[in-house]
Amino acid sequence: MDTIRKYLYGGMAGAALLALSACAREVGSERWCSNMKAKAKADWSANEAVDYAKHCILK
């Protein structure tokens, strides 16, 4: 019974991860750039700042 429960929870977690990853915006798209522009600069990661500069400023 515990094995079935582990597989069930693992499957549900995998399905949730797959569903949420489909919602991610493509880096460099117009919508992504506008969302980053509206986001507080203090909340940006280093990778987001580099991607924003590369794709939104230095097109």
N, C-alpha and C. Protein backbone atom coordinates (compact mmCIF):
# COMPACT_ATOMS: atom_id res chain seq x y z
N MET A 1 0.82 -1.19 0.00
CA MET A 1 0.00 0.00 0.00
C MET A 1 0.87 1.26 0.00
N ASP A 2 1.97 1.24 0.76
CA ASP A 2 2.84 2.41 0.80
C ASP A 2 3.53 2.64 -0.54
N THR A 3 3.85 1.57 -1.23
CA THR A 3 4.50 1.70 -2.54
C THR A 3 3.57 2.36 -3.54
N ILE A 4 2.32 1.96 -3.51
CA ILE A 4 1.33 2.56 -4.42
C ILE A 4 1.18 4.04 -4.12
N ARG A 5 1.15 4.38 -2.86
CA ARG A 5 1.00 5.78 -2.46
C ARG A 5 2.20 6.61 -2.91
N LYS A 6 3.40 6.05 -2.81
CA LYS A 6 4.61 6.76 -3.26
C LYS A 6 4.54 7.03 -4.76
N TYR A 7 4.14 6.02 -5.54
CA TYR A 7 4.03 6.22 -6.98
C TYR A 7 2.94 7.22 -7.33
N LEU A 8 1.85 7.18 -6.60
CA LEU A 8 0.75 8.11 -6.84
C LEU A 8 1.19 9.54 -6.57
N TYR A 9 1.84 9.77 -5.44
CA TYR A 9 2.31 11.12 -5.11
C TYR A 9 3.40 11.58 -6.08
N GLY A 10 4.27 10.67 -6.46
CA GLY A 10 5.31 11.01 -7.43
C GLY A 10 4.72 11.39 -8.77
N GLY A 11 3.71 10.66 -9.20
CA GLY A 11 3.04 10.98 -10.46
C GLY A 11 2.32 12.31 -10.41
N MET A 12 1.67 12.59 -9.29
CA MET A 12 0.97 13.87 -9.15
C MET A 12 1.97 15.02 -9.12
N ALA A 13 3.09 14.85 -8.45
CA ALA A 13 4.12 15.90 -8.41
C ALA A 13 4.70 16.12 -9.80
N GLY A 14 4.94 15.06 -10.53
CA GLY A 14 5.45 15.19 -11.89
C GLY A 14 4.47 15.89 -12.81
N ALA A 15 3.19 15.57 -12.69
CA ALA A 15 2.17 16.22 -13.51
C ALA A 15 2.07 17.70 -13.18
N ALA A 16 2.15 18.04 -11.90
CA ALA A 16 2.09 19.45 -11.50
C ALA A 16 3.30 20.21 -12.02
N LEU A 17 4.46 19.61 -11.96
CA LEU A 17 5.68 20.25 -12.47
C LEU A 17 5.59 20.47 -13.97
N LEU A 18 5.09 19.49 -14.67
CA LEU A 18 4.93 19.61 -16.12
C LEU A 18 3.93 20.71 -16.48
N ALA A 19 2.83 20.77 -15.75
CA ALA A 19 1.82 21.79 -16.01
C ALA A 19 2.34 23.19 -15.73
N LEU A 20 3.10 23.36 -14.67
CA LEU A 20 3.61 24.68 -14.32
C LEU A 20 4.74 25.11 -15.24
N SER A 21 5.52 24.20 -15.73
CA SER A 21 6.62 24.57 -16.62
C SER A 21 6.11 25.03 -17.97
N ALA A 22 4.93 24.62 -18.35
CA ALA A 22 4.35 25.04 -19.62
C ALA A 22 3.95 26.51 -19.58
N CYS A 23 3.82 27.07 -18.40
CA CYS A 23 3.39 28.46 -18.26
C CYS A 23 4.56 29.45 -18.32
N ALA A 24 5.77 28.97 -18.32
CA ALA A 24 6.92 29.87 -18.31
C ALA A 24 7.02 30.62 -19.63
N ARG A 25 7.29 31.91 -19.54
CA ARG A 25 7.43 32.73 -20.75
C ARG A 25 8.81 32.55 -21.34
N GLU A 26 8.88 32.68 -22.64
CA GLU A 26 10.16 32.52 -23.32
C GLU A 26 11.03 33.74 -23.06
N VAL A 27 12.25 33.49 -22.64
CA VAL A 27 13.18 34.57 -22.36
C VAL A 27 13.44 35.35 -23.65
N GLY A 28 13.30 36.67 -23.57
CA GLY A 28 13.55 37.52 -24.72
C GLY A 28 12.30 37.91 -25.48
N SER A 29 11.16 37.30 -25.17
CA SER A 29 9.93 37.68 -25.86
C SER A 29 9.47 39.05 -25.38
N GLU A 30 8.61 39.68 -26.16
CA GLU A 30 8.12 41.02 -25.79
C GLU A 30 7.42 40.98 -24.44
N ARG A 31 6.63 39.94 -24.21
CA ARG A 31 5.90 39.83 -22.94
C ARG A 31 6.86 39.62 -21.77
N TRP A 32 7.89 38.81 -21.98
CA TRP A 32 8.87 38.58 -20.93
C TRP A 32 9.59 39.88 -20.59
N CYS A 33 9.97 40.65 -21.62
CA CYS A 33 10.66 41.92 -21.39
C CYS A 33 9.78 42.90 -20.62
N SER A 34 8.50 42.97 -20.98
CA SER A 34 7.61 43.90 -20.28
C SER A 34 7.36 43.46 -18.84
N ASN A 35 7.29 42.15 -18.60
CA ASN A 35 7.13 41.66 -17.23
C ASN A 35 8.37 41.93 -16.39
N MET A 36 9.55 41.77 -16.99
CA MET A 36 10.78 42.06 -16.26
C MET A 36 10.91 43.55 -15.97
N LYS A 37 10.46 44.38 -16.90
CA LYS A 37 10.53 45.83 -16.70
C LYS A 37 9.64 46.25 -15.53
N ALA A 38 8.50 45.57 -15.37
CA ALA A 38 7.57 45.89 -14.28
C ALA A 38 8.02 45.29 -12.94
N LYS A 39 8.84 44.25 -12.98
CA LYS A 39 9.30 43.58 -11.76
C LYS A 39 10.35 44.45 -11.07
N ALA A 40 10.33 44.46 -9.74
CA ALA A 40 11.31 45.24 -8.97
C ALA A 40 12.72 44.74 -9.28
N LYS A 41 13.62 45.66 -9.54
CA LYS A 41 14.99 45.29 -9.91
C LYS A 41 15.70 44.50 -8.81
N ALA A 42 15.33 44.74 -7.57
CA ALA A 42 15.94 44.02 -6.45
C ALA A 42 15.55 42.54 -6.45
N ASP A 43 14.46 42.20 -7.13
CA ASP A 43 14.00 40.81 -7.18
C ASP A 43 14.58 40.03 -8.36
N TRP A 44 15.37 40.67 -9.20
CA TRP A 44 15.95 40.00 -10.35
C TRP A 44 17.13 39.14 -9.92
N SER A 45 17.27 37.99 -10.55
CA SER A 45 18.48 37.19 -10.34
C SER A 45 19.56 37.72 -11.29
N ALA A 46 20.77 37.28 -11.08
CA ALA A 46 21.87 37.72 -11.96
C ALA A 46 21.62 37.25 -13.39
N ASN A 47 21.13 36.04 -13.55
CA ASN A 47 20.85 35.52 -14.90
C ASN A 47 19.74 36.31 -15.58
N GLU A 48 18.71 36.69 -14.81
CA GLU A 48 17.62 37.49 -15.39
C GLU A 48 18.13 38.85 -15.84
N ALA A 49 19.02 39.46 -15.07
CA ALA A 49 19.57 40.76 -15.45
C ALA A 49 20.39 40.66 -16.73
N VAL A 50 21.19 39.62 -16.85
CA VAL A 50 21.98 39.42 -18.07
C VAL A 50 21.07 39.17 -19.27
N ASP A 51 20.07 38.32 -19.09
CA ASP A 51 19.13 38.03 -20.18
C ASP A 51 18.35 39.27 -20.58
N TYR A 52 17.94 40.09 -19.60
CA TYR A 52 17.20 41.32 -19.90
C TYR A 52 18.08 42.26 -20.72
N ALA A 53 19.32 42.43 -20.31
CA ALA A 53 20.22 43.32 -21.04
C ALA A 53 20.46 42.80 -22.46
N LYS A 54 20.65 41.50 -22.59
CA LYS A 54 20.96 40.91 -23.89
C LYS A 54 19.76 40.95 -24.84
N HIS A 55 18.57 40.63 -24.34
CA HIS A 55 17.41 40.46 -25.21
C HIS A 55 16.50 41.68 -25.30
N CYS A 56 16.51 42.53 -24.28
CA CYS A 56 15.54 43.63 -24.25
C CYS A 56 16.19 45.00 -24.50
N ILE A 57 17.45 45.14 -24.15
CA ILE A 57 18.12 46.43 -24.31
C ILE A 57 19.02 46.43 -25.54
N LEU A 58 19.83 45.39 -25.69
CA LEU A 58 20.83 45.33 -26.76
C LEU A 58 20.35 44.49 -27.94
N LYS A 59 19.12 44.62 -28.33
CA LYS A 59 18.56 43.81 -29.42
C LYS A 59 19.33 43.99 -30.69
